[in-house]
Structures are given as structure tokens and as C-alpha cells.
């Protein structure tokens, strides 16, 4: 049961990242000056940056747990 909950959380994070990317594309021509994230928001921000590293000029990431996975792009 715990593994299923972790998978659901990871999918939710990916959905949030995609929604934020879409919002920035639609409202800010695909680029903003700064994006910041703390804890869970930082994990979402890392996912955003892994998909679109040019979406912002600066990123502030605080208290984030991350693991590199080259196959997850």
C-alpha cells in the first residue's frame, strides 16, 4: 500500500510541474525571471527545470530531496 501512495505522489508532482509549465507558456511567453520553491515546491521546481531548463533566469531551491534519474525526461 505504501508503494502505491508514493507512486501517486510522484505522479501528482509531475502533473503539477506540467501545469506550471503550461501556465508560464500561456501567460508569460514561456519564460519568467525567477521561480522559487521550498520543500515540496522545490521538488516540483526541480522537475520543471529538468524538463525546461530555460523556463527561468534564476531559481531558488530550498530544502529539497532529489535523486538523479537520467531516464526520466
PDB file of N, CA and C in Angstrom:
ATOM      1  N   UNK A   1       0.819  -1.202   0.000  1.00  0.00           N
ATOM      2  CA  UNK A   1       0.000   0.000   0.000  1.00  0.00           C
ATOM      3  C   UNK A   1       0.861   1.264   0.000  1.00  0.00           C
ATOM      4  N   UNK A   2       1.954   1.271   0.729  1.00  0.00           N
ATOM      5  CA  UNK A   2       2.821   2.443   0.803  1.00  0.00           C
ATOM      6  C   UNK A   2       3.434   2.754  -0.559  1.00  0.00           C
ATOM      7  N   UNK A   3       3.839   1.743  -1.294  1.00  0.00           N
ATOM      8  CA  UNK A   3       4.438   1.957  -2.616  1.00  0.00           C
ATOM      9  C   UNK A   3       3.433   2.633  -3.551  1.00  0.00           C
ATOM     10  N   UNK A   4       2.187   2.214  -3.512  1.00  0.00           N
ATOM     11  CA  UNK A   4       1.154   2.819  -4.351  1.00  0.00           C
ATOM     12  C   UNK A   4       0.973   4.299  -4.003  1.00  0.00           C
ATOM     13  N   UNK A   5       1.022   4.628  -2.722  1.00  0.00           N
ATOM     14  CA  UNK A   5       0.884   6.019  -2.303  1.00  0.00           C
ATOM     15  C   UNK A   5       2.061   6.862  -2.788  1.00  0.00           C
ATOM     16  N   UNK A   6       3.258   6.313  -2.744  1.00  0.00           N
ATOM     17  CA  UNK A   6       4.442   7.030  -3.238  1.00  0.00           C
ATOM     18  C   UNK A   6       4.321   7.270  -4.734  1.00  0.00           C
ATOM     19  N   UNK A   7       3.885   6.274  -5.465  1.00  0.00           N
ATOM     20  CA  UNK A   7       3.697   6.422  -6.916  1.00  0.00           C
ATOM     21  C   UNK A   7       2.675   7.510  -7.212  1.00  0.00           C
ATOM     22  N   UNK A   8       1.587   7.542  -6.458  1.00  0.00           N
ATOM     23  CA  UNK A   8       0.561   8.571  -6.662  1.00  0.00           C
ATOM     24  C   UNK A   8       1.109   9.962  -6.387  1.00  0.00           C
ATOM     25  N   UNK A   9       1.926  10.098  -5.357  1.00  0.00           N
ATOM     26  CA  UNK A   9       2.532  11.394  -5.041  1.00  0.00           C
ATOM     27  C   UNK A   9       3.477  11.825  -6.156  1.00  0.00           C
ATOM     28  N   UNK A  10       4.290  10.909  -6.656  1.00  0.00           N
ATOM     29  CA  UNK A  10       5.212  11.246  -7.748  1.00  0.00           C
ATOM     30  C   UNK A  10       4.457  11.680  -9.002  1.00  0.00           C
ATOM     31  N   UNK A  11       3.371  11.006  -9.310  1.00  0.00           N
ATOM     32  CA  UNK A  11       2.563  11.397 -10.474  1.00  0.00           C
ATOM     33  C   UNK A  11       1.932  12.766 -10.261  1.00  0.00           C
ATOM     34  N   UNK A  12       1.502  13.042  -9.034  1.00  0.00           N
ATOM     35  CA  UNK A  12       0.935  14.344  -8.719  1.00  0.00           C
ATOM     36  C   UNK A  12       1.975  15.448  -8.908  1.00  0.00           C
ATOM     37  N   UNK A  13       3.213  15.201  -8.473  1.00  0.00           N
ATOM     38  CA  UNK A  13       4.286  16.178  -8.661  1.00  0.00           C
ATOM     39  C   UNK A  13       4.522  16.451 -10.139  1.00  0.00           C
ATOM     40  N   UNK A  14       4.547  15.411 -10.948  1.00  0.00           N
ATOM     41  CA  UNK A  14       4.745  15.589 -12.389  1.00  0.00           C
ATOM     42  C   UNK A  14       3.599  16.382 -13.008  1.00  0.00           C
ATOM     43  N   UNK A  15       2.374  16.100 -12.574  1.00  0.00           N
ATOM     44  CA  UNK A  15       1.222  16.848 -13.085  1.00  0.00           C
ATOM     45  C   UNK A  15       1.318  18.314 -12.695  1.00  0.00           C
ATOM     46  N   UNK A  16       1.719  18.599 -11.454  1.00  0.00           N
ATOM     47  CA  UNK A  16       1.871  19.988 -11.018  1.00  0.00           C
ATOM     48  C   UNK A  16       2.933  20.697 -11.844  1.00  0.00           C
ATOM     49  N   UNK A  17       4.038  20.045 -12.092  1.00  0.00           N
ATOM     50  CA  UNK A  17       5.104  20.643 -12.894  1.00  0.00           C
ATOM     51  C   UNK A  17       4.605  20.963 -14.296  1.00  0.00           C
ATOM     52  N   UNK A  18       3.897  20.034 -14.900  1.00  0.00           N
ATOM     53  CA  UNK A  18       3.369  20.259 -16.252  1.00  0.00           C
ATOM     54  C   UNK A  18       2.360  21.398 -16.278  1.00  0.00           C
ATOM     55  N   UNK A  19       1.524  21.501 -15.255  1.00  0.00           N
ATOM     56  CA  UNK A  19       0.549  22.596 -15.187  1.00  0.00           C
ATOM     57  C   UNK A  19       1.248  23.946 -15.055  1.00  0.00           C
ATOM     58  N   UNK A  20       2.298  24.007 -14.257  1.00  0.00           N
ATOM     59  CA  UNK A  20       3.039  25.260 -14.089  1.00  0.00           C
ATOM     60  C   UNK A  20       3.744  25.647 -15.384  1.00  0.00           C
ATOM     61  N   UNK A  21       4.345  24.686 -16.055  1.00  0.00           N
ATOM     62  CA  UNK A  21       4.982  24.957 -17.345  1.00  0.00           C
ATOM     63  C   UNK A  21       3.952  25.490 -18.337  1.00  0.00           C
ATOM     64  N   UNK A  22       2.808  24.865 -18.387  1.00  0.00           N
ATOM     65  CA  UNK A  22       1.747  25.311 -19.304  1.00  0.00           C
ATOM     66  C   UNK A  22       1.283  26.725 -18.957  1.00  0.00           C
ATOM     67  N   UNK A  23       1.149  27.016 -17.666  1.00  0.00           N
ATOM     68  CA  UNK A  23       0.732  28.355 -17.229  1.00  0.00           C
ATOM     69  C   UNK A  23       1.753  29.411 -17.653  1.00  0.00           C
ATOM     70  N   UNK A  24       3.027  29.119 -17.431  1.00  0.00           N
ATOM     71  CA  UNK A  24       4.080  30.071 -17.819  1.00  0.00           C
ATOM     72  C   UNK A  24       4.110  30.237 -19.334  1.00  0.00           C
ATOM     73  N   UNK A  25       3.940  29.158 -20.067  1.00  0.00           N
ATOM     74  CA  UNK A  25       3.891  29.252 -21.535  1.00  0.00           C
ATOM     75  C   UNK A  25       2.742  30.134 -21.990  1.00  0.00           C
ATOM     76  N   UNK A  26       1.573  29.953 -21.400  1.00  0.00           N
ATOM     77  CA  UNK A  26       0.373  30.670 -21.836  1.00  0.00           C
ATOM     78  C   UNK A  26       0.322  32.118 -21.374  1.00  0.00           C
ATOM     79  N   UNK A  27       0.926  32.420 -20.227  1.00  0.00           N
ATOM     80  CA  UNK A  27       0.773  33.748 -19.654  1.00  0.00           C
ATOM     81  C   UNK A  27       2.033  34.603 -19.658  1.00  0.00           C
ATOM     82  N   UNK A  28       3.195  33.980 -19.832  1.00  0.00           N
ATOM     83  CA  UNK A  28       4.452  34.717 -19.772  1.00  0.00           C
ATOM     84  C   UNK A  28       5.385  34.380 -20.928  1.00  0.00           C
ATOM     85  N   UNK A  29       4.832  33.956 -22.039  1.00  0.00           N
ATOM     86  CA  UNK A  29       5.614  33.637 -23.232  1.00  0.00           C
ATOM     87  C   UNK A  29       6.729  32.622 -22.968  1.00  0.00           C
ATOM     88  N   UNK A  30       6.494  31.715 -22.032  1.00  0.00           N
ATOM     89  CA  UNK A  30       7.411  30.608 -21.815  1.00  0.00           C
ATOM     90  C   UNK A  30       8.628  30.879 -20.968  1.00  0.00           C
ATOM     91  N   UNK A  31       8.730  32.101 -20.378  1.00  0.00           N
ATOM     92  CA  UNK A  31       9.916  32.412 -19.594  1.00  0.00           C
ATOM     93  C   UNK A  31       9.584  33.438 -18.521  1.00  0.00           C
ATOM     94  N   UNK A  32      10.106  33.211 -17.311  1.00  0.00           N
ATOM     95  CA  UNK A  32       9.962  34.170 -16.219  1.00  0.00           C
ATOM     96  C   UNK A  32      11.348  34.474 -15.650  1.00  0.00           C
ATOM     97  N   UNK A  33      11.430  35.521 -14.889  1.00  0.00           N
ATOM     98  CA  UNK A  33      12.715  35.933 -14.302  1.00  0.00           C
ATOM     99  C   UNK A  33      13.153  34.983 -13.198  1.00  0.00           C
ATOM    100  N   UNK A  34      12.226  34.609 -12.288  1.00  0.00           N
ATOM    101  CA  UNK A  34      12.591  33.842 -11.103  1.00  0.00           C
ATOM    102  C   UNK A  34      11.482  32.871 -10.727  1.00  0.00           C
ATOM    103  N   UNK A  35      11.877  31.670 -10.326  1.00  0.00           N
ATOM    104  CA  UNK A  35      10.943  30.714  -9.726  1.00  0.00           C
ATOM    105  C   UNK A  35      11.601  30.217  -8.448  1.00  0.00           C
ATOM    106  N   UNK A  36      10.819  30.130  -7.373  1.00  0.00           N
ATOM    107  CA  UNK A  36      11.338  29.625  -6.111  1.00  0.00           C
ATOM    108  C   UNK A  36      10.478  28.493  -5.591  1.00  0.00           C
ATOM    109  N   UNK A  37      11.093  27.601  -4.851  1.00  0.00           N
ATOM    110  CA  UNK A  37      10.356  26.503  -4.252  1.00  0.00           C
ATOM    111  C   UNK A  37      10.975  26.073  -2.945  1.00  0.00           C
ATOM    112  N   UNK A  38      10.118  25.749  -1.977  1.00  0.00           N
ATOM    113  CA  UNK A  38      10.549  25.290  -0.667  1.00  0.00           C
ATOM    114  C   UNK A  38       9.945  23.919  -0.412  1.00  0.00           C
ATOM    115  N   UNK A  39      10.762  22.968  -0.035  1.00  0.00           N
ATOM    116  CA  UNK A  39      10.326  21.612   0.307  1.00  0.00           C
ATOM    117  C   UNK A  39       9.624  20.958  -0.877  1.00  0.00           C
ATOM    118  N   UNK A  40       8.345  20.691  -0.781  1.00  0.00           N
ATOM    119  CA  UNK A  40       7.610  20.049  -1.871  1.00  0.00           C
ATOM    120  C   UNK A  40       7.621  20.923  -3.125  1.00  0.00           C
ATOM    121  N   UNK A  41       7.501  22.230  -2.942  1.00  0.00           N
ATOM    122  CA  UNK A  41       7.581  23.151  -4.075  1.00  0.00           C
ATOM    123  C   UNK A  41       8.939  23.098  -4.758  1.00  0.00           C
ATOM    124  N   UNK A  42       9.976  22.861  -3.972  1.00  0.00           N
ATOM    125  CA  UNK A  42      11.317  22.732  -4.547  1.00  0.00           C
ATOM    126  C   UNK A  42      11.428  21.472  -5.396  1.00  0.00           C
ATOM    127  N   UNK A  43      10.786  20.413  -4.972  1.00  0.00           N
ATOM    128  CA  UNK A  43      10.789  19.187  -5.772  1.00  0.00           C
ATOM    129  C   UNK A  43      10.045  19.403  -7.087  1.00  0.00           C
ATOM    130  N   UNK A  44       8.943  20.117  -7.031  1.00  0.00           N
ATOM    131  CA  UNK A  44       8.210  20.438  -8.263  1.00  0.00           C
ATOM    132  C   UNK A  44       9.083  21.311  -9.163  1.00  0.00           C
ATOM    133  N   UNK A  45       9.768  22.280  -8.576  1.00  0.00           N
ATOM    134  CA  UNK A  45      10.641  23.158  -9.357  1.00  0.00           C
ATOM    135  C   UNK A  45      11.764  22.373 -10.019  1.00  0.00           C
ATOM    136  N   UNK A  46      12.356  21.413  -9.313  1.00  0.00           N
ATOM    137  CA  UNK A  46      13.393  20.588  -9.935  1.00  0.00           C
ATOM    138  C   UNK A  46      12.845  19.813 -11.123  1.00  0.00           C
ATOM    139  N   UNK A  47      11.618  19.333 -11.007  1.00  0.00           N
ATOM    140  CA  UNK A  47      11.000  18.624 -12.126  1.00  0.00           C
ATOM    141  C   UNK A  47      10.790  19.577 -13.303  1.00  0.00           C
ATOM    142  N   UNK A  48      10.339  20.786 -13.023  1.00  0.00           N
ATOM    143  CA  UNK A  48      10.154  21.794 -14.076  1.00  0.00           C
ATOM    144  C   UNK A  48      11.491  22.055 -14.774  1.00  0.00           C
ATOM    145  N   UNK A  49      12.541  22.279 -13.993  1.00  0.00           N
ATOM    146  CA  UNK A  49      13.844  22.588 -14.572  1.00  0.00           C
ATOM    147  C   UNK A  49      14.437  21.409 -15.338  1.00  0.00           C
ATOM    148  N   UNK A  50      14.102  20.207 -14.925  1.00  0.00           N
ATOM    149  CA  UNK A  50      14.608  19.038 -15.664  1.00  0.00           C
ATOM    150  C   UNK A  50      13.938  18.918 -17.029  1.00  0.00           C
ATOM    151  N   UNK A  51      12.736  19.480 -17.143  1.00  0.00           N
ATOM    152  CA  UNK A  51      12.018  19.442 -18.420  1.00  0.00           C
ATOM    153  C   UNK A  51      12.334  20.655 -19.286  1.00  0.00           C
ATOM    154  N   UNK A  52      12.491  21.816 -18.655  1.00  0.00           N
ATOM    155  CA  UNK A  52      12.727  23.064 -19.393  1.00  0.00           C
ATOM    156  C   UNK A  52      13.720  23.916 -18.622  1.00  0.00           C
ATOM    157  N   UNK A  53      14.984  23.742 -18.869  1.00  0.00           N
ATOM    158  CA  UNK A  53      15.988  24.475 -18.098  1.00  0.00           C
ATOM    159  C   UNK A  53      16.046  25.962 -18.425  1.00  0.00           C
ATOM    160  N   UNK A  54      15.389  26.382 -19.481  1.00  0.00           N
ATOM    161  CA  UNK A  54      15.383  27.800 -19.856  1.00  0.00           C
ATOM    162  C   UNK A  54      14.073  28.497 -19.485  1.00  0.00           C
ATOM    163  N   UNK A  55      13.275  27.903 -18.627  1.00  0.00           N
ATOM    164  CA  UNK A  55      11.981  28.485 -18.272  1.00  0.00           C
ATOM    165  C   UNK A  55      12.135  29.707 -17.365  1.00  0.00           C
ATOM    166  N   UNK A  56      13.279  29.816 -16.677  1.00  0.00           N
ATOM    167  CA  UNK A  56      13.521  30.977 -15.821  1.00  0.00           C
ATOM    168  C   UNK A  56      15.004  31.335 -15.846  1.00  0.00           C
ATOM    169  N   UNK A  57      15.273  32.596 -15.522  1.00  0.00           N
ATOM    170  CA  UNK A  57      16.665  33.034 -15.451  1.00  0.00           C
ATOM    171  C   UNK A  57      17.313  32.620 -14.139  1.00  0.00           C
ATOM    172  N   UNK A  58      16.521  32.633 -13.062  1.00  0.00           N
ATOM    173  CA  UNK A  58      17.023  32.292 -11.735  1.00  0.00           C
ATOM    174  C   UNK A  58      16.045  31.344 -11.049  1.00  0.00           C
ATOM    175  N   UNK A  59      16.600  30.444 -10.240  1.00  0.00           N
ATOM    176  CA  UNK A  59      15.774  29.529  -9.458  1.00  0.00           C
ATOM    177  C   UNK A  59      16.315  29.482  -8.030  1.00  0.00           C
ATOM    178  N   UNK A  60      15.396  29.540  -7.069  1.00  0.00           N
ATOM    179  CA  UNK A  60      15.753  29.398  -5.665  1.00  0.00           C
ATOM    180  C   UNK A  60      15.131  28.094  -5.178  1.00  0.00           C
ATOM    181  N   UNK A  61      15.989  27.177  -4.772  1.00  0.00           N
ATOM    182  CA  UNK A  61      15.544  25.853  -4.336  1.00  0.00           C
ATOM    183  C   UNK A  61      16.011  25.665  -2.897  1.00  0.00           C
ATOM    184  N   UNK A  62      15.076  25.420  -1.994  1.00  0.00           N
ATOM    185  CA  UNK A  62      15.386  25.293  -0.573  1.00  0.00           C
ATOM    186  C   UNK A  62      14.788  24.018   0.002  1.00  0.00           C
ATOM    187  N   UNK A  63      15.597  23.256   0.708  1.00  0.00           N
ATOM    188  CA  UNK A  63      15.171  22.050   1.419  1.00  0.00           C
ATOM    189  C   UNK A  63      14.475  21.045   0.519  1.00  0.00           C
ATOM    190  N   UNK A  64      15.202  20.586  -0.453  1.00  0.00           N
ATOM    191  CA  UNK A  64      14.628  19.657  -1.429  1.00  0.00           C
ATOM    192  C   UNK A  64      15.376  18.337  -1.405  1.00  0.00           C
ATOM    193  N   UNK A  65      14.643  17.246  -1.404  1.00  0.00           N
ATOM    194  CA  UNK A  65      15.223  15.922  -1.563  1.00  0.00           C
ATOM    195  C   UNK A  65      15.134  15.569  -3.034  1.00  0.00           C
ATOM    196  N   UNK A  66      16.250  15.166  -3.614  1.00  0.00           N
ATOM    197  CA  UNK A  66      16.215  14.791  -5.038  1.00  0.00           C
ATOM    198  C   UNK A  66      17.140  13.632  -5.301  1.00  0.00           C
ATOM    199  N   UNK A  67      16.813  12.907  -6.348  1.00  0.00           N
ATOM    200  CA  UNK A  67      17.651  11.801  -6.825  1.00  0.00           C
ATOM    201  C   UNK A  67      17.746  11.934  -8.329  1.00  0.00           C
ATOM    202  N   UNK A  68      18.932  11.797  -8.848  1.00  0.00           N
ATOM    203  CA  UNK A  68      19.137  11.899 -10.285  1.00  0.00           C
ATOM    204  C   UNK A  68      18.646  10.652 -10.984  1.00  0.00           C
ATOM    205  N   UNK A  69      17.938  10.856 -12.088  1.00  0.00           N
ATOM    206  CA  UNK A  69      17.478   9.739 -12.911  1.00  0.00           C
ATOM    207  C   UNK A  69      17.518  10.197 -14.362  1.00  0.00           C
ATOM    208  N   UNK A  70      18.549   9.835 -15.067  1.00  0.00           N
ATOM    209  CA  UNK A  70      18.753  10.265 -16.448  1.00  0.00           C
ATOM    210  C   UNK A  70      17.653   9.767 -17.390  1.00  0.00           C
ATOM    211  N   UNK A  71      16.967   8.695 -17.041  1.00  0.00           N
ATOM    212  CA  UNK A  71      15.947   8.138 -17.935  1.00  0.00           C
ATOM    213  C   UNK A  71      14.593   8.793 -17.784  1.00  0.00           C
ATOM    214  N   UNK A  72      14.443   9.729 -16.871  1.00  0.00           N
ATOM    215  CA  UNK A  72      13.145  10.331 -16.559  1.00  0.00           C
ATOM    216  C   UNK A  72      13.039  11.737 -17.120  1.00  0.00           C
ATOM    217  N   UNK A  73      13.023  11.863 -18.449  1.00  0.00           N
ATOM    218  CA  UNK A  73      12.912  13.197 -19.058  1.00  0.00           C
ATOM    219  C   UNK A  73      11.700  13.255 -19.927  1.00  0.00           C
TER     220      UNK A  73
END
